[in-house]
Protein backbone atom coordinates (compact mmCIF):
# COMPACT_ATOMS: atom_id res chain seq x y z
CA MET A 1 147.75 -157.61 -47.91
CA LEU A 2 145.50 -156.53 -50.30
CA HIS A 3 142.45 -157.83 -51.35
CA PHE A 4 141.52 -157.49 -55.10
CA ARG A 5 137.90 -158.08 -55.60
CA PHE A 6 137.14 -159.15 -59.22
CA SER A 7 132.88 -159.62 -58.89
CA THR A 8 132.53 -155.78 -60.00
CA VAL A 9 134.76 -156.41 -63.31
CA LEU A 10 133.55 -159.90 -64.06
CA LYS A 11 129.73 -158.53 -63.57
CA GLU A 12 130.51 -155.82 -66.18
CA LEU A 13 132.65 -157.86 -68.55
CA LEU A 14 129.30 -160.51 -68.37
CA GLU A 15 126.89 -157.87 -69.00
CA ALA A 16 128.98 -155.89 -71.80
CA THR A 17 129.85 -159.74 -73.71
CA LEU A 18 126.04 -160.36 -73.92
CA LYS A 19 125.12 -157.12 -75.56
CA ARG A 20 127.73 -157.37 -77.94
CA PRO A 21 127.39 -159.49 -81.04
CA LEU A 22 130.20 -162.77 -80.73
CA SER A 23 130.65 -163.74 -84.40
CA GLY A 24 131.58 -162.11 -87.50
CA SER A 25 134.42 -160.24 -86.13
CA ARG A 26 137.12 -159.85 -88.25
CA GLN A 27 139.71 -156.98 -87.00
CA LYS A 28 143.06 -156.88 -87.02
CA THR A 29 144.68 -157.19 -83.64
CA TRP A 30 148.59 -157.63 -81.88
CA LEU A 31 148.11 -161.23 -80.71
CA PRO A 32 149.69 -164.61 -80.89
CA THR A 33 149.88 -166.11 -84.36
CA ARG A 34 149.70 -169.66 -83.20
CA HIS A 35 147.60 -169.52 -79.50
CA CYS A 36 145.62 -166.30 -78.47
CA CYS A 37 146.77 -164.59 -75.11
CA PHE A 38 142.84 -163.61 -74.76
CA GLY A 39 139.85 -164.99 -75.43
CA THR A 40 138.39 -163.87 -78.65
CA ALA A 41 134.85 -163.02 -79.91
CA SER A 42 133.97 -166.43 -80.40
CA LEU A 43 133.64 -167.11 -76.80
CA ASP A 44 130.39 -166.88 -75.14
CA ALA A 45 130.13 -164.42 -71.79
CA ARG A 46 130.00 -167.83 -69.51
CA ALA A 47 133.37 -169.05 -71.06
CA GLN A 48 134.86 -165.90 -70.51
CA LEU A 49 133.99 -165.61 -67.14
CA LYS A 50 135.39 -169.23 -66.30
CA VAL A 51 138.69 -168.16 -67.93
CA LEU A 52 138.96 -165.10 -65.94
CA HIS A 53 137.99 -166.84 -62.52
CA ALA A 54 140.19 -169.74 -63.13
CA ALA A 55 143.44 -167.27 -64.17
CA ALA A 56 142.56 -165.66 -60.80
CA HIS A 57 143.14 -168.78 -59.00
CA ARG A 58 145.59 -170.89 -60.51
CA PRO A 59 149.33 -170.94 -59.35
CA ALA A 60 152.04 -169.47 -61.29
CA LEU A 61 153.36 -172.39 -63.38
CA ARG A 62 157.22 -172.87 -64.05
CA THR A 63 159.00 -174.26 -67.17
CA ALA A 64 160.22 -177.72 -67.47
CA PRO A 65 163.77 -177.88 -66.27
CA PHE A 66 165.41 -178.63 -69.68
CA ALA A 67 161.99 -177.78 -72.40
CA ALA A 68 161.79 -174.60 -74.02
CA PRO A 69 158.99 -172.84 -72.31
CA PHE A 70 155.94 -171.95 -74.89
CA ARG A 71 155.92 -168.30 -76.10
CA SER A 72 153.38 -166.16 -77.37
CA TYR A 73 154.14 -163.94 -79.99
CA CYS A 74 152.77 -160.62 -80.37
CA ALA A 75 151.59 -160.53 -84.02
CA LYS A 76 148.76 -159.13 -86.30
CA THR A 77 146.30 -162.12 -87.18
CA GLU A 78 142.95 -161.77 -89.14
CA GLY A 79 140.00 -162.85 -87.19
CA ALA A 80 141.15 -162.00 -83.79
CA VAL A 81 139.42 -159.11 -81.71
CA GLU A 82 141.66 -156.53 -80.30
CA LEU A 83 141.93 -156.48 -76.51
CA ASP A 84 141.98 -152.99 -75.71
CA GLU A 85 139.43 -152.24 -78.57
CA GLN A 86 137.19 -154.84 -76.82
CA LEU A 87 137.58 -152.95 -73.44
CA LYS A 88 136.56 -149.55 -75.34
CA LYS A 89 133.79 -150.89 -76.44
CA ASP A 90 132.93 -152.75 -73.66
CA GLY A 91 133.08 -149.83 -70.83
CA ASP A 92 134.61 -146.89 -73.08
CA SER A 93 136.42 -146.08 -69.79
CA SER A 94 136.80 -142.38 -69.90
CA GLU A 95 139.13 -140.74 -66.96
CA ALA A 96 136.19 -140.57 -64.31
CA ASP A 97 135.55 -144.10 -64.57
CA SER A 98 138.84 -145.16 -64.11
CA ASP A 99 139.39 -142.83 -60.96
CA LYS A 100 135.80 -144.03 -59.55
CA ARG A 101 137.37 -148.04 -60.06
CA ARG A 102 140.73 -147.28 -58.55
CA ASN A 103 139.04 -145.46 -55.40
CA ALA A 104 136.63 -148.73 -55.19
CA GLY A 105 140.02 -150.77 -54.71
CA ILE A 106 139.48 -152.42 -58.32
CA LEU A 107 142.54 -152.70 -60.52
CA PRO A 108 143.48 -150.12 -62.93
CA SER A 109 143.99 -150.60 -66.57
CA LEU A 110 147.12 -151.89 -68.07
CA GLU A 111 147.79 -148.28 -69.50
CA ASP A 112 147.80 -146.78 -65.92
CA LEU A 113 150.00 -149.56 -64.26
CA LEU A 114 152.27 -149.21 -67.08
CA PHE A 115 152.46 -145.11 -66.45
CA TYR A 116 152.92 -145.89 -62.68
CA THR A 117 155.56 -147.98 -63.81
CA VAL A 118 157.62 -145.51 -65.78
CA ALA A 119 156.39 -142.30 -64.03
CA GLU A 120 158.07 -143.51 -60.64
CA GLY A 121 155.60 -141.47 -58.54
CA GLN A 122 155.78 -138.19 -61.08
CA GLU A 123 152.51 -136.79 -62.41
CA LYS A 124 153.78 -136.67 -65.79
CA ILE A 125 156.60 -138.23 -67.86
CA PRO A 126 158.95 -137.20 -70.37
CA ALA A 127 158.65 -139.03 -73.74
CA HIS A 128 162.41 -139.64 -73.68
CA LYS A 129 162.30 -141.29 -70.25
CA PHE A 130 159.68 -143.42 -71.38
CA LEU A 131 161.79 -144.48 -75.00
CA THR A 132 164.95 -144.91 -73.09
CA ALA A 133 163.05 -147.33 -70.69
CA LEU A 134 161.76 -149.20 -73.75
CA LYS A 135 165.44 -149.38 -75.41
CA ALA A 136 166.33 -151.22 -72.20
CA THR A 137 163.86 -154.00 -72.77
CA GLY A 138 165.49 -154.40 -76.12
CA LEU A 139 162.53 -153.37 -78.38
CA ARG A 140 163.48 -150.41 -80.65
CA THR A 141 161.08 -147.55 -81.76
CA GLY A 142 161.22 -148.51 -85.24
CA ASP A 143 159.40 -151.72 -84.37
CA PRO A 144 156.84 -152.44 -86.80
CA ARG A 145 154.90 -153.60 -83.80
CA LEU A 146 154.82 -150.49 -82.00
CA LYS A 147 154.45 -148.48 -85.51
CA GLU A 148 150.83 -146.96 -84.37
CA CYS A 149 152.04 -146.27 -80.60
CA MET A 150 155.36 -144.05 -82.00
CA GLU A 151 153.05 -142.42 -84.45
CA THR A 152 150.41 -141.81 -82.08
CA LEU A 153 153.07 -140.53 -79.63
CA LYS A 154 154.50 -138.34 -82.13
CA GLU A 155 151.32 -136.49 -83.03
CA THR A 156 150.39 -136.21 -79.14
CA LEU A 157 153.72 -134.71 -78.42
CA LYS A 158 153.05 -131.76 -81.27
CA ASN A 159 149.64 -130.93 -79.24
CA THR A 160 151.34 -130.56 -75.92
CA THR A 161 152.51 -127.38 -74.43
CA ASP A 162 156.02 -128.08 -73.91
CA GLY A 163 156.06 -130.85 -76.90
CA VAL A 164 158.14 -133.24 -74.05
CA THR A 165 156.28 -134.11 -71.05
CA LEU A 166 153.13 -136.60 -71.12
CA ASP A 167 150.25 -136.51 -68.20
CA ARG A 168 148.67 -139.96 -67.71
CA HIS A 169 145.76 -139.38 -70.14
CA LEU A 170 147.89 -138.37 -73.13
CA PHE A 171 150.38 -141.71 -72.34
CA LYS A 172 147.53 -144.09 -71.70
CA LYS A 173 146.34 -142.67 -75.63
CA CYS A 174 149.74 -143.22 -76.77
CA VAL A 175 150.14 -146.92 -75.56
CA GLN A 176 146.70 -148.32 -75.44
CA SER A 177 147.34 -149.73 -79.24
CA ASN A 178 150.57 -151.90 -78.11
CA ILE A 179 149.51 -152.40 -74.58
CA VAL A 180 150.07 -155.91 -74.21
CA LEU A 181 153.44 -156.12 -75.89
CA LEU A 182 154.74 -153.06 -73.97
CA THR A 183 153.42 -154.71 -70.81
CA GLN A 184 155.20 -158.06 -71.73
CA ALA A 185 158.37 -155.88 -72.21
CA PHE A 186 158.08 -154.05 -69.18
CA ARG A 187 157.43 -156.83 -66.83
CA LYS A 188 160.64 -158.72 -68.16
CA LYS A 189 158.72 -161.48 -69.10
CA PHE A 190 160.68 -161.45 -72.89
CA VAL A 191 163.13 -164.43 -73.63
CA ILE A 192 166.43 -162.33 -72.33
CA PRO A 193 164.64 -160.65 -69.07
CA ASP A 194 167.81 -158.68 -68.26
CA PHE A 195 168.30 -157.35 -71.45
CA GLN A 196 170.82 -154.83 -70.47
CA SER A 197 173.22 -157.25 -68.51
CA PHE A 198 173.23 -159.48 -71.55
CA THR A 199 174.35 -157.17 -74.04
CA SER A 200 176.82 -155.80 -72.06
CA HIS A 201 178.44 -159.58 -71.92
CA ILE A 202 178.02 -159.48 -75.57
CA ASP A 203 180.14 -156.12 -76.12
CA GLU A 204 182.61 -157.74 -73.90
CA LEU A 205 182.98 -160.88 -76.25
CA TYR A 206 182.55 -158.27 -79.22
CA GLU A 207 185.97 -156.22 -78.04
CA SER A 208 188.04 -159.41 -77.44
CA ALA A 209 187.30 -161.12 -80.93
CA LYS A 210 188.20 -157.64 -82.33
CA ASN A 211 192.21 -157.96 -81.16
CA LEU A 212 192.22 -160.98 -83.69
CA SER A 213 194.28 -160.13 -86.67
CA GLY A 214 194.81 -163.52 -88.28
CA GLY A 215 193.23 -164.38 -91.63
CA GLN A 216 192.98 -163.26 -95.00
CA VAL A 217 189.97 -161.67 -96.80
CA ALA A 218 189.04 -163.88 -99.73
CA ASP A 219 190.38 -162.97 -103.10
CA TYR A 220 189.20 -165.74 -105.30
CA ILE A 221 186.26 -163.50 -106.08
CA PRO A 222 187.58 -160.10 -106.96
CA GLN A 223 184.77 -157.99 -105.48
CA LEU A 224 185.15 -159.34 -102.12
CA ALA A 225 188.67 -158.67 -102.11
CA LYS A 226 188.16 -154.83 -101.57
CA PHE A 227 186.64 -155.19 -98.41
CA SER A 228 188.75 -153.63 -95.27
CA PRO A 229 190.39 -156.57 -92.77
CA ASP A 230 189.07 -154.18 -90.00
CA LEU A 231 185.62 -154.52 -90.27
CA TRP A 232 183.83 -156.30 -87.57
CA ALA A 233 180.14 -156.35 -86.64
CA VAL A 234 177.78 -158.64 -84.56
CA SER A 235 173.98 -158.15 -84.39
CA LEU A 236 171.42 -160.22 -82.73
CA CYS A 237 167.67 -160.51 -82.88
CA THR A 238 165.76 -162.80 -80.18
CA VAL A 239 162.52 -164.51 -80.90
CA ASP A 240 160.48 -161.63 -78.96
CA GLY A 241 162.41 -158.88 -81.22
CA GLN A 242 164.85 -157.52 -78.76
CA ARG A 243 167.67 -156.02 -80.72
CA HIS A 244 171.20 -155.96 -80.00
CA THR A 245 174.27 -154.39 -82.57
CA VAL A 246 177.66 -153.30 -82.15
CA GLY A 247 180.22 -152.45 -84.79
CA ASP A 248 180.28 -152.09 -88.54
CA THR A 249 176.46 -152.91 -88.48
CA LYS A 250 175.36 -151.36 -91.10
CA VAL A 251 177.71 -152.00 -93.76
CA PRO A 252 175.89 -154.12 -96.73
CA PHE A 253 178.06 -157.13 -97.52
CA CYS A 254 176.93 -160.05 -99.88
CA LEU A 255 175.53 -163.48 -98.21
CA GLN A 256 177.52 -165.77 -100.59
CA SER A 257 177.38 -169.33 -98.84
CA CYS A 258 175.25 -168.00 -96.07
CA VAL A 259 172.39 -167.83 -98.55
CA LYS A 260 172.28 -171.94 -99.20
CA PRO A 261 170.17 -172.44 -95.69
CA LEU A 262 167.68 -169.83 -96.73
CA LYS A 263 166.96 -171.26 -100.57
CA TYR A 264 167.16 -174.62 -99.05
CA ALA A 265 164.31 -173.76 -96.86
CA VAL A 266 162.57 -172.10 -100.06
CA ALA A 267 162.75 -175.41 -101.60
CA VAL A 268 161.25 -177.46 -98.78
CA HIS A 269 158.70 -174.74 -97.91
CA ASP A 270 157.30 -174.59 -101.83
CA TYR A 271 158.01 -178.58 -102.13
CA SER A 272 158.43 -181.20 -99.60
CA THR A 273 161.27 -182.47 -97.61
CA GLU A 274 160.95 -185.97 -99.75
CA TYR A 275 160.95 -183.96 -103.46
CA VAL A 276 163.78 -181.89 -102.47
CA HIS A 277 165.95 -184.90 -100.98
CA SER A 278 165.01 -186.62 -104.08
CA PHE A 279 167.88 -184.82 -105.68
CA ILE A 280 169.85 -183.93 -102.85
CA GLY A 281 171.60 -186.04 -99.93
CA LYS A 282 171.61 -185.12 -95.95
CA GLU A 283 175.18 -186.55 -95.37
CA PRO A 284 178.30 -184.39 -94.35
CA SER A 285 180.75 -184.68 -97.45
CA GLY A 286 183.90 -184.78 -95.55
CA LEU A 287 185.08 -182.71 -98.36
CA ARG A 288 185.95 -178.92 -99.63
CA PHE A 289 182.83 -177.25 -100.49
CA ASN A 290 183.78 -176.63 -104.06
CA LYS A 291 184.50 -180.25 -104.70
CA LEU A 292 183.32 -182.29 -108.30
CA PHE A 293 182.33 -185.19 -106.07
CA LEU A 294 178.73 -187.02 -105.67
CA ASN A 295 177.68 -189.72 -103.04
CA ASP A 296 177.35 -193.41 -104.19
CA ASP A 297 173.67 -192.00 -105.57
CA ASP A 298 175.23 -190.00 -107.56
CA LYS A 299 173.48 -187.21 -105.75
CA PRO A 300 175.20 -184.04 -104.19
CA HIS A 301 176.06 -184.79 -100.52
CA ASN A 302 174.14 -181.81 -98.89
CA PRO A 303 172.49 -178.92 -99.58
CA MET A 304 175.56 -176.92 -98.14
CA VAL A 305 178.29 -177.55 -100.77
CA ASN A 306 178.22 -175.95 -103.85
CA ALA A 307 176.82 -179.00 -105.68
CA GLY A 308 174.00 -179.25 -103.59
CA ALA A 309 173.25 -175.49 -103.49
CA ILE A 310 173.28 -175.56 -107.25
CA VAL A 311 170.80 -178.35 -107.43
CA CYS A 312 168.59 -176.71 -104.74
CA THR A 313 168.63 -173.37 -107.10
CA SER A 314 167.49 -175.55 -109.92
CA LEU A 315 164.23 -176.73 -107.86
CA ILE A 316 162.94 -172.74 -106.79
CA LYS A 317 160.23 -171.24 -108.77
CA VAL A 318 159.41 -168.38 -106.53
CA LYS A 319 160.73 -164.95 -105.91
CA VAL A 320 163.32 -165.62 -103.25
CA MET A 321 164.23 -162.06 -102.55
CA ASN A 322 160.66 -161.63 -101.27
CA PHE A 323 160.73 -164.58 -98.87
CA LEU A 324 164.27 -162.99 -97.58
CA LYS A 325 162.79 -159.87 -97.24
CA LYS A 326 160.09 -161.22 -95.25
CA MET A 327 162.49 -163.25 -93.11
CA ALA A 328 164.19 -159.85 -92.30
CA GLY A 329 161.30 -158.07 -91.62
CA ASN A 330 161.64 -155.97 -94.58
CA GLU A 331 164.67 -154.56 -93.30
CA TYR A 332 167.59 -153.93 -95.96
CA VAL A 333 167.91 -156.98 -98.51
CA GLY A 334 169.52 -155.68 -101.74
CA PHE A 335 171.73 -156.93 -104.54
CA SER A 336 175.36 -156.32 -105.49
CA ASN A 337 175.63 -156.71 -109.23
CA ALA A 338 179.31 -155.71 -109.21
CA THR A 339 179.64 -158.98 -107.03
CA PHE A 340 177.26 -160.99 -109.66
CA GLN A 341 179.74 -160.29 -112.54
CA SER A 342 182.87 -160.75 -110.70
CA GLU A 343 181.06 -164.42 -109.58
CA ARG A 344 180.05 -165.27 -113.09
CA GLU A 345 183.72 -164.10 -114.57
CA SER A 346 185.66 -166.31 -112.12
CA GLY A 347 183.25 -169.04 -111.65
CA ASP A 348 184.97 -171.81 -113.79
CA ARG A 349 185.08 -174.27 -110.64
CA ASN A 350 180.98 -173.65 -110.47
CA PHE A 351 180.54 -174.19 -114.12
CA ALA A 352 182.30 -177.42 -114.21
CA ILE A 353 180.22 -178.44 -111.35
CA GLY A 354 177.21 -177.58 -112.88
CA TYR A 355 178.13 -179.39 -116.21
CA TYR A 356 179.06 -182.56 -114.16
CA LEU A 357 175.91 -182.51 -112.40
CA LYS A 358 174.25 -182.28 -115.95
CA GLU A 359 176.25 -185.19 -117.10
CA LYS A 360 175.17 -187.60 -113.86
CA LYS A 361 171.27 -186.14 -114.51
CA CYS A 362 171.24 -184.44 -111.17
CA PHE A 363 168.81 -181.94 -112.10
CA PRO A 364 164.92 -182.07 -112.87
CA GLU A 365 164.16 -182.95 -116.54
CA GLY A 366 164.05 -180.23 -118.95
CA THR A 367 166.62 -177.67 -116.50
CA ASP A 368 168.81 -175.28 -118.54
CA MET A 369 172.00 -175.38 -116.46
CA THR A 370 173.48 -172.30 -117.55
CA SER A 371 170.51 -170.51 -116.41
CA VAL A 372 170.60 -172.23 -113.19
CA LEU A 373 174.21 -171.04 -112.57
CA ASP A 374 173.29 -167.30 -113.37
CA PHE A 375 170.49 -168.02 -110.39
CA TYR A 376 173.08 -169.23 -108.51
CA PHE A 377 175.56 -166.39 -108.69
CA GLN A 378 172.65 -164.02 -108.18
CA LEU A 379 171.38 -165.74 -104.70
CA CYS A 380 175.03 -165.43 -103.72
CA SER A 381 175.58 -161.92 -104.39
CA ILE A 382 172.19 -160.70 -102.19
CA GLU A 383 173.55 -158.31 -100.01
CA VAL A 384 172.48 -158.07 -96.26
CA THR A 385 173.66 -155.93 -93.18
CA CYS A 386 174.35 -157.39 -90.11
CA GLU A 387 171.38 -156.02 -88.57
CA SER A 388 168.74 -157.29 -91.19
CA ALA A 389 170.65 -161.10 -91.29
CA SER A 390 170.13 -161.21 -87.61
CA VAL A 391 166.51 -161.08 -88.26
CA MET A 392 166.58 -163.88 -90.59
CA ALA A 393 168.62 -165.96 -88.03
CA ALA A 394 165.73 -165.04 -85.47
CA THR A 395 163.05 -166.15 -88.00
CA LEU A 396 164.65 -169.79 -88.16
CA ALA A 397 165.05 -169.59 -83.99
CA ASN A 398 161.43 -168.58 -84.01
CA GLY A 399 160.11 -171.60 -86.27
CA GLY A 400 159.72 -169.81 -89.20
CA ILE A 401 157.64 -166.57 -87.84
CA CYS A 402 159.46 -163.37 -87.98
CA PRO A 403 159.90 -162.09 -84.72
CA ILE A 404 159.43 -158.41 -85.38
CA THR A 405 156.25 -158.63 -88.13
CA GLY A 406 154.71 -161.75 -86.74
CA GLU A 407 154.37 -163.46 -90.28
CA ARG A 408 155.06 -166.81 -90.65
CA VAL A 409 157.71 -166.90 -93.62
CA LEU A 410 158.46 -170.75 -93.64
CA SER A 411 156.99 -174.04 -92.68
CA PRO A 412 157.81 -175.65 -89.12
CA GLU A 413 159.19 -178.53 -91.57
CA ALA A 414 161.33 -176.25 -93.90
CA VAL A 415 162.97 -174.55 -90.46
CA ARG A 416 163.41 -178.11 -88.55
CA ASN A 417 165.42 -179.46 -91.75
CA THR A 418 167.26 -176.27 -92.56
CA LEU A 419 168.67 -176.39 -88.54
CA SER A 420 169.71 -179.93 -88.74
CA LEU A 421 171.75 -179.45 -91.87
CA MET A 422 172.94 -176.24 -90.47
CA HIS A 423 174.14 -177.98 -87.47
CA SER A 424 175.89 -181.01 -89.34
CA CYS A 425 177.10 -179.70 -92.35
CA GLY A 426 176.89 -175.89 -92.31
CA MET A 427 180.69 -174.72 -91.49
CA TYR A 428 182.58 -176.30 -94.35
CA ASP A 429 185.35 -178.64 -93.01
CA PHE A 430 184.90 -177.12 -89.57
CA SER A 431 181.59 -178.71 -89.60
CA GLY A 432 182.29 -181.62 -86.93
CA GLN A 433 184.44 -179.26 -84.61
CA PHE A 434 181.99 -176.38 -84.55
CA ALA A 435 179.09 -178.93 -83.67
CA PHE A 436 181.54 -180.04 -80.98
CA HIS A 437 182.65 -177.25 -79.59
CA VAL A 438 179.71 -174.86 -80.14
CA GLY A 439 177.05 -177.32 -80.61
CA LEU A 440 174.64 -174.76 -82.31
CA PRO A 441 173.03 -174.73 -86.39
CA ALA A 442 175.31 -172.14 -88.33
CA LYS A 443 176.44 -171.22 -91.76
CA SER A 444 179.63 -169.48 -92.81
CA GLY A 445 180.20 -167.84 -96.04
CA VAL A 446 183.22 -166.81 -98.00
CA ALA A 447 182.45 -162.88 -97.38
CA GLY A 448 182.94 -163.46 -93.60
CA GLY A 449 179.55 -163.83 -92.16
CA ILE A 450 178.43 -166.33 -89.93
CA LEU A 451 174.68 -166.93 -89.78
CA LEU A 452 174.30 -168.41 -85.62
CA VAL A 453 170.96 -169.64 -84.55
CA VAL A 454 170.23 -170.48 -80.87
CA PRO A 455 166.62 -172.07 -81.36
CA ASN A 456 163.74 -170.83 -79.41
CA VAL A 457 166.36 -168.05 -78.26
CA MET A 458 167.67 -165.86 -81.20
CA GLY A 459 169.64 -165.38 -84.22
CA ILE A 460 172.86 -163.71 -84.43
CA MET A 461 175.05 -162.75 -87.27
CA CYS A 462 178.88 -162.43 -87.05
CA TRP A 463 180.66 -160.56 -90.08
CA SER A 464 184.38 -159.85 -90.55
CA PRO A 465 186.12 -160.76 -93.91
CA PRO A 466 189.45 -162.09 -93.02
CA LEU A 467 188.81 -165.94 -93.00
CA ASP A 468 190.81 -168.74 -91.67
CA LYS A 469 192.25 -171.78 -93.84
CA LEU A 470 189.03 -173.53 -93.98
CA GLY A 471 186.66 -170.27 -95.34
CA ASN A 472 185.29 -169.07 -91.85
CA SER A 473 185.50 -166.12 -90.39
CA VAL A 474 188.54 -165.63 -87.86
CA ARG A 475 186.71 -163.28 -85.35
CA GLY A 476 182.81 -164.73 -85.94
CA ILE A 477 184.61 -168.39 -84.97
CA GLN A 478 186.26 -166.86 -81.93
CA PHE A 479 183.08 -165.03 -81.20
CA CYS A 480 180.67 -168.13 -81.36
CA LEU A 481 183.28 -170.09 -78.96
CA ASP A 482 183.34 -167.57 -76.29
CA LEU A 483 179.45 -167.19 -76.32
CA VAL A 484 178.95 -170.86 -75.45
CA GLU A 485 182.00 -170.63 -73.17
CA LEU A 486 180.19 -167.84 -71.14
CA PHE A 487 176.37 -168.93 -71.94
CA ASN A 488 174.63 -172.55 -71.56
CA PHE A 489 173.44 -172.07 -75.14
CA HIS A 490 175.15 -175.46 -76.47
CA ASN A 491 172.58 -177.92 -77.30
CA TYR A 492 174.08 -180.16 -74.28
CA ASP A 493 174.99 -177.67 -72.16
CA ASN A 494 171.47 -178.31 -69.91
CA LEU A 495 172.17 -182.07 -68.87
CA ARG A 496 171.94 -182.67 -65.27
CA HIS A 497 174.98 -182.60 -63.39
CA PHE A 498 176.93 -180.08 -65.72
CA ALA A 499 179.13 -177.40 -64.87
CA LYS A 500 176.52 -174.14 -64.56
CA LYS A 501 177.01 -171.55 -67.00
CA HIS A 502 175.00 -168.20 -67.25
CA ASP A 503 171.44 -168.69 -68.29
CA PRO A 504 170.20 -165.40 -69.81
CA ARG A 505 166.75 -166.93 -70.28
CA ARG A 506 166.57 -166.41 -66.24
CA GLU A 507 166.06 -163.04 -64.44
CA GLY A 508 169.28 -162.83 -62.59
CA GLY A 509 170.92 -165.67 -64.61
CA ASP A 510 170.09 -168.53 -62.39
CA GLN A 511 166.20 -167.47 -61.38
CA ARG A 512 163.80 -169.84 -63.09
CA LEU A 513 160.88 -167.49 -64.88
CA HIS A 514 157.29 -168.61 -64.95
CA SER A 515 156.24 -170.23 -68.01
CA PHE A 516 155.55 -167.55 -70.70
CA GLY A 517 151.95 -169.13 -72.08
CA PRO A 518 148.78 -167.74 -73.52
CA MET A 519 148.04 -164.56 -70.53
CA ASP A 520 144.44 -163.10 -69.81
CA TYR A 521 144.22 -159.32 -69.44
CA GLU A 522 143.69 -159.76 -65.47
CA SER A 523 146.84 -161.59 -65.60
CA LEU A 524 148.56 -159.04 -67.06
CA GLN A 525 147.39 -156.59 -64.40
CA GLN A 526 148.12 -158.12 -61.26
CA GLU A 527 151.58 -159.12 -62.04
CA LEU A 528 152.22 -155.45 -63.00
CA ALA A 529 150.36 -154.35 -59.71
CA LEU A 530 153.46 -155.52 -58.04
CA LYS A 531 155.39 -152.79 -59.60
CA ALA A 532 152.60 -149.94 -58.98
CA PRO A 533 151.07 -150.30 -55.53
CA LEU A 534 149.10 -147.03 -55.84
CA TRP A 535 145.79 -147.64 -55.29
CA LYS A 536 143.78 -149.15 -51.95
CA LYS A 537 145.45 -151.41 -49.50
CA VAL A 538 142.92 -153.55 -47.73
CA SER A 539 143.47 -155.23 -44.03
CA PRO A 540 144.05 -158.82 -44.30
CA THR A 541 141.41 -159.01 -41.56
CA GLU A 542 138.63 -157.57 -43.60
CA SER A 543 136.27 -159.81 -45.26
CA HIS A 544 134.24 -159.86 -48.32
CA GLN A 545 130.93 -161.42 -49.30
CA ASP A 546 131.97 -162.86 -52.83
CA SER A 547 135.04 -164.86 -51.63
CA SER A 548 135.23 -166.85 -54.72
CA THR A 549 136.30 -163.87 -56.77
CA THR A 550 138.70 -162.72 -54.24
CA VAL A 551 142.42 -162.66 -54.96
CA VAL A 552 144.78 -161.96 -52.17
CA TYR A 553 148.32 -160.61 -52.62
CA ARG A 554 150.84 -159.43 -49.79
CA MET A 555 151.50 -155.86 -51.23
CA ASP A 556 153.52 -154.59 -47.98
CA LYS A 557 156.49 -155.71 -49.13
CA VAL A 558 157.20 -154.94 -52.92
CA ALA A 559 159.75 -156.58 -55.07
CA GLU A 560 161.31 -154.33 -57.69
């Protein structure tokens, strides 16, 4: 048994807090955008003492059986005080102070614990070992949230004798700016804890769909006909920013109809649900996506068919490219002028739909229909890669907050409405079948893309040009069917008494995780301590004068 005494830590924290000003701090920090994980400068010393004391004694919470756990996101937020900077100002912990604390039986810093976890008993860590372990969690070295850490690591290695290894002091210097995000990653507290196991299954599903040879590449837009039918790619991004790609994921392609839910979300974000749907309906049409047909109120049936998408385009007054780049975490979003020209020259059906909508007075007053159609063709010609589009999908899965930047791009209302319409109308005439068999919001496009959203979990982009007779990617549809056959991602897979599928949201596939809510610094230290039992062990029979601040852990049997 180990007895970790918090009295000294709490006393120092209290004294340091009383010394520093408690208001007016306006720093940037990697903290949750909606709920802060740690106490901010607005808390007084007594409140901080209560928070840490409660964290030391409260039991671990478990998620509700079928409710998505609350998630905290590491994102830069104005007005919060960075935890690591707090600790530096409070104590400016030197190496001597750190050693003194460990010798006294007090928990070392998170940076120390992370070092012990990666080093596995060694005095130094090769930089590549740390980066390999980081990649295994699903995080990339190019993640915007880790920019400061990676830049410091690069500069630090230049000044080392061998340019390869880091001792504990140098390692702490490199990781301290992003220690909360890194600690969550190495503690397997992301939405997909066993990420390597999960991605191995994704690779198998990819290979299985790759063997399909049916379908035809769209040729009614000449530029699309130039793509090879052998191209096939899958990319995913979780709501915690874990990334995985397989196949031709860096080849640019046009969004085509996959842009329809995105521009609808922009319209609702800029205006309101009521305003947008005063021009467009919400019901599936049951007809081909490019039919000249309106509902009984002389409105397009929904924003996912061409008529509804054209009217939706007429409502947009902002720079859509800026929105899409923010949704993609500033990853690749381009424009294919050749496709735009090809679309406009072969767009007779869409011009016919435009004139029909004008006749029925479906546009806002004063709308220039031909300009709207030009804008419509331009939006269809926006280029992405599988990788950047998966981040867009993940932004929808994450309630409108981009996972890799932490920036809120869309309102919760816009995201909810968009996912609802993707679920009911997003897959052309296959929408009902897709909702029945896959049970997830999705949108397909004639370029071969399928934008798939697993709410609160991840976004996925599948891309393969050959299409079936309904206009959906043959390989993409098969991948989605196989995905929900293996994992319990279908909206109704979690009903009671259902046959159990793999749940990648639980460690080991079936063990339920603790809730992932706001965490304080001591909680992070305690849990990571289980993986680095390198400090003083205390006999279970030893007593402490201040038992109110004592936390007891079993350390004689440490689980990996």
